[in-house]
């Protein structure tokens, strides 16, 4: 039977807030048209991010009650460490408060290792790019050419362009402290990376004596795509372990595929590298056995990593995203195809084809969607990535185990209203910005 539904039952509910269109207009004005500045209790459906917005399970909540909150050597860390080692196959584990903490540590490590470093990736995400740019590193992206066509089908549009990477490293390898691979490729529409591409990237790195670092924040979702499209006879856990086996280091924001509200880690093979990174961890995150997290957080992440590899859960997770993409497409809203693992990416530039990039069509779409129906989404285009933006994306990120089919149908209907009223919008003008991650704090006026 070709039918899917949530592989869980609802035990606790949280109220949804409703506002009138008149109220939302005032809220937008007060927030200077920055969606990040809107209070959560003024949001009806929140698809801003899937990071830390997950609904935790009864097992995670029970583990929270068992937590050991000792400053050093807590039992909760031992359980966390054991689960991370099992998940990754790496011998050494450093807990971090979230992925950004890991990125800060790695950026500092690079700054002490190589002068004027260059860190290539399939596509850097905003916080990774910002941390690396902050220490003066260059951050080129090498995604495959097929990814640049939003209509063309390719099973792994998140792949590293290994030909371009090889050419680049032949010229600049002495300035490259590591190559990054992001799975799934968030900035490129949440598209997965193939196992074969990970292997090929590893081989290129070995040729030039460069380590391969993985951002595995959404690796369970990536592994599901590999199982369906590439390695049908392997389990999710085995695929994850094999992916990571080709790397020298991996790091994770456990707010994604750790199905938790906070947390993350760095896992490494080499003891010397572990000890060097530990020094930075102590400076900025905390003692090596808690790394900026409470015992409760460590327990929630450890349990979440187990649940994230459940194939029934992952099947629903991916189908839920597909469903929203199909509902949007039915209503004429242009989406990037195929849909990825955690979000649907709308092509805002096709909706607002009369708005120039300097007037941020993606941000305008986000504003219009909130005004029409109280829905919050995230611009991933020229506001977030500046001149490096390949598309004017608006990301509809779906929190794990939070929304139902009827919620997503509502999202699709409101999106249709934005499409129907597109000529009412002329764009926005940026009036205030910060030098790093400007989309978080920017302010605008309507044109």
Foldseek 3Di string as FASTA:
>chain_A
DPDDFAPDDDDDDDDFAFDALVVLVVQCVVQLLQLLSRDRNLFRAEQAAQFLPFDFDPQLVVLLVVFDQDQPDTPLLVLLQVLVCLQAVFDDKFKAFFQLRVLLLVLVVLLVVAPQAEEEECDDAASNCQSNVVSNHHYHHAFDPQLLDLPDDDLARSAGPLVVVLVVCVVVVRRYQEYEYEAQNVLSQQGGYELVRLQSNLVSCVVSVHFYEYECQPVLLNLLSNCVPPNVPDASSVSSNSSSVSGQKYKYGCSHQLSHNTIIMIGGHDPVVSVVSQVVLCVPQNHRSARVHGSSRSSSSSVSNVVSRDNSLQVVQQVVQQLLVVLLVVLPFAWGPPHHRFWIKTQQCVLQVVEDVQLQSLSVLQSQLCSQTSYHWHFSACQSVNPPGSTRITIRGDHRPHDGPVVSNVSSVSSSVCSVCVVVAHGWHWDDADPGRGSSRTRIDGD
